[in-house]
Amino acid sequence: MNSQRAFAIALWTGLAGVVVMLVGLAVDATLHNNDHMLAQHESIWSLGNPGHLLLAAGMALVVSGISAATVLHVRAPISSSPDTFRAS
């Protein structure tokens, strides 16, 4: 796999994590809207709540995707071509 493809996959993984986090937030908001006492008997990091589980999974995807993209970018060879930063 070439480095550009790996970099793109890493960024898409981070973006997928953001989407999963937003879905988790929506699920959690819906659960709390349907049960106003839910916050009284659950902890902040309760993984029994599917919204919290999706938030945690999304955070893991974001961290792993952005970390991988950063490592790939730092380890990429530096091009001396003047077209490197030219907008397409």
C-alpha atoms as a PDB file:
ATOM      1  CA  MET A   1       0.000   0.000   0.000  1.00  0.00           C
ATOM      2  CA  ASN A   2       1.438   3.364  -0.937  1.00  0.00           C
ATOM      3  CA  SER A   3       1.756   6.157   1.599  1.00  0.00           C
ATOM      4  CA  GLN A   4      -0.908   8.380   0.011  1.00  0.00           C
ATOM      5  CA  ARG A   5      -3.475   5.592   0.222  1.00  0.00           C
ATOM      6  CA  ALA A   6      -2.522   4.845   3.835  1.00  0.00           C
ATOM      7  CA  PHE A   7      -2.768   8.557   4.668  1.00  0.00           C
ATOM      8  CA  ALA A   8      -6.231   8.757   3.074  1.00  0.00           C
ATOM      9  CA  ILE A   9      -7.402   5.678   4.980  1.00  0.00           C
ATOM     10  CA  ALA A  10      -6.140   7.198   8.235  1.00  0.00           C
ATOM     11  CA  LEU A  11      -8.034  10.430   7.590  1.00  0.00           C
ATOM     12  CA  TRP A  12     -11.204   8.557   6.622  1.00  0.00           C
ATOM     13  CA  THR A  13     -10.904   6.550   9.839  1.00  0.00           C
ATOM     14  CA  GLY A  14     -10.792   9.787  11.816  1.00  0.00           C
ATOM     15  CA  LEU A  15     -13.800  11.128   9.935  1.00  0.00           C
ATOM     16  CA  ALA A  16     -15.705   7.885  10.531  1.00  0.00           C
ATOM     17  CA  GLY A  17     -14.947   8.334  14.226  1.00  0.00           C
ATOM     18  CA  VAL A  18     -16.501  11.794  14.199  1.00  0.00           C
ATOM     19  CA  VAL A  19     -19.636  10.390  12.533  1.00  0.00           C
ATOM     20  CA  VAL A  20     -19.837   7.535  15.083  1.00  0.00           C
ATOM     21  CA  MET A  21     -19.472  10.069  17.916  1.00  0.00           C
ATOM     22  CA  LEU A  22     -22.295  12.210  16.501  1.00  0.00           C
ATOM     23  CA  VAL A  23     -24.543   9.147  16.182  1.00  0.00           C
ATOM     24  CA  GLY A  24     -23.676   8.229  19.776  1.00  0.00           C
ATOM     25  CA  LEU A  25     -24.570  11.726  20.919  1.00  0.00           C
ATOM     26  CA  ALA A  26     -27.912  11.506  19.113  1.00  0.00           C
ATOM     27  CA  VAL A  27     -28.640   8.091  20.648  1.00  0.00           C
ATOM     28  CA  ASP A  28     -27.731   9.340  24.119  1.00  0.00           C
ATOM     29  CA  ALA A  29     -29.849  12.480  23.711  1.00  0.00           C
ATOM     30  CA  THR A  30     -32.813  10.361  22.581  1.00  0.00           C
ATOM     31  CA  LEU A  31     -32.430   7.995  25.531  1.00  0.00           C
ATOM     32  CA  HIS A  32     -32.237  10.894  27.988  1.00  0.00           C
ATOM     33  CA  ASN A  33     -35.232  12.570  26.344  1.00  0.00           C
ATOM     34  CA  ASN A  34     -37.302   9.394  26.747  1.00  0.00           C
ATOM     35  CA  ASP A  35     -36.177   8.761  30.340  1.00  0.00           C
ATOM     36  CA  HIS A  36     -35.664  11.972  32.292  1.00  0.00           C
ATOM     37  CA  MET A  37     -34.356  10.054  35.309  1.00  0.00           C
ATOM     38  CA  LEU A  38     -31.663   8.221  33.316  1.00  0.00           C
ATOM     39  CA  ALA A  39     -28.946  10.616  34.446  1.00  0.00           C
ATOM     40  CA  GLN A  40     -29.865   9.872  38.060  1.00  0.00           C
ATOM     41  CA  HIS A  41     -28.948   6.180  37.863  1.00  0.00           C
ATOM     42  CA  GLU A  42     -26.128   5.935  35.313  1.00  0.00           C
ATOM     43  CA  SER A  43     -22.502   6.974  35.463  1.00  0.00           C
ATOM     44  CA  ILE A  44     -20.869   9.259  32.921  1.00  0.00           C
ATOM     45  CA  TRP A  45     -18.858   6.417  31.362  1.00  0.00           C
ATOM     46  CA  SER A  46     -21.537   3.719  31.630  1.00  0.00           C
ATOM     47  CA  LEU A  47     -20.982   1.485  28.594  1.00  0.00           C
ATOM     48  CA  GLY A  48     -24.364  -0.147  29.151  1.00  0.00           C
ATOM     49  CA  ASN A  49     -25.804   2.913  27.433  1.00  0.00           C
ATOM     50  CA  PRO A  50     -25.398   2.407  23.654  1.00  0.00           C
ATOM     51  CA  GLY A  51     -24.880   6.147  23.181  1.00  0.00           C
ATOM     52  CA  HIS A  52     -21.899   6.095  25.535  1.00  0.00           C
ATOM     53  CA  LEU A  53     -20.532   2.999  23.821  1.00  0.00           C
ATOM     54  CA  LEU A  54     -20.736   4.717  20.419  1.00  0.00           C
ATOM     55  CA  LEU A  55     -19.069   7.843  21.832  1.00  0.00           C
ATOM     56  CA  ALA A  56     -16.194   5.747  23.208  1.00  0.00           C
ATOM     57  CA  ALA A  57     -15.810   3.828  19.929  1.00  0.00           C
ATOM     58  CA  GLY A  58     -15.888   7.094  17.975  1.00  0.00           C
ATOM     59  CA  MET A  59     -13.216   8.610  20.192  1.00  0.00           C
ATOM     60  CA  ALA A  60     -11.013   5.550  19.631  1.00  0.00           C
ATOM     61  CA  LEU A  61     -11.465   5.841  15.854  1.00  0.00           C
ATOM     62  CA  VAL A  62     -10.679   9.569  15.865  1.00  0.00           C
ATOM     63  CA  VAL A  63      -7.563   9.156  17.986  1.00  0.00           C
ATOM     64  CA  SER A  64      -6.263   6.197  15.986  1.00  0.00           C
ATOM     65  CA  GLY A  65      -7.024   7.774  12.602  1.00  0.00           C
ATOM     66  CA  ILE A  66      -5.526  11.169  13.367  1.00  0.00           C
ATOM     67  CA  SER A  67      -2.517   9.610  15.104  1.00  0.00           C
ATOM     68  CA  ALA A  68      -1.846   7.366  12.109  1.00  0.00           C
ATOM     69  CA  ALA A  69      -2.220  10.307   9.704  1.00  0.00           C
ATOM     70  CA  THR A  70       0.207  12.350  11.783  1.00  0.00           C
ATOM     71  CA  VAL A  71       2.800   9.564  11.867  1.00  0.00           C
ATOM     72  CA  LEU A  72       2.449   8.973   8.125  1.00  0.00           C
ATOM     73  CA  HIS A  73       2.801  12.684   7.411  1.00  0.00           C
ATOM     74  CA  VAL A  74       5.875  13.084   9.607  1.00  0.00           C
ATOM     75  CA  ARG A  75       7.555   9.997   8.129  1.00  0.00           C
ATOM     76  CA  ALA A  76       6.729  10.920   4.502  1.00  0.00           C
ATOM     77  CA  PRO A  77       9.682  11.843   2.303  1.00  0.00           C
ATOM     78  CA  ILE A  78      10.004  15.554   1.623  1.00  0.00           C
ATOM     79  CA  SER A  79       9.504  16.397  -2.029  1.00  0.00           C
ATOM     80  CA  SER A  80      11.527  19.196  -3.558  1.00  0.00           C
ATOM     81  CA  SER A  81       9.171  19.532  -6.501  1.00  0.00           C
ATOM     82  CA  PRO A  82       7.703  23.026  -6.921  1.00  0.00           C
ATOM     83  CA  ASP A  83       4.340  21.407  -7.734  1.00  0.00           C
ATOM     84  CA  THR A  84       4.074  19.893  -4.258  1.00  0.00           C
ATOM     85  CA  PHE A  85       1.985  22.727  -2.817  1.00  0.00           C
ATOM     86  CA  ARG A  86       0.270  23.876  -5.996  1.00  0.00           C
ATOM     87  CA  ALA A  87      -3.519  23.801  -5.826  1.00  0.00           C
ATOM     88  CA  SER A  88      -5.178  21.492  -8.324  1.00  0.00           C
END
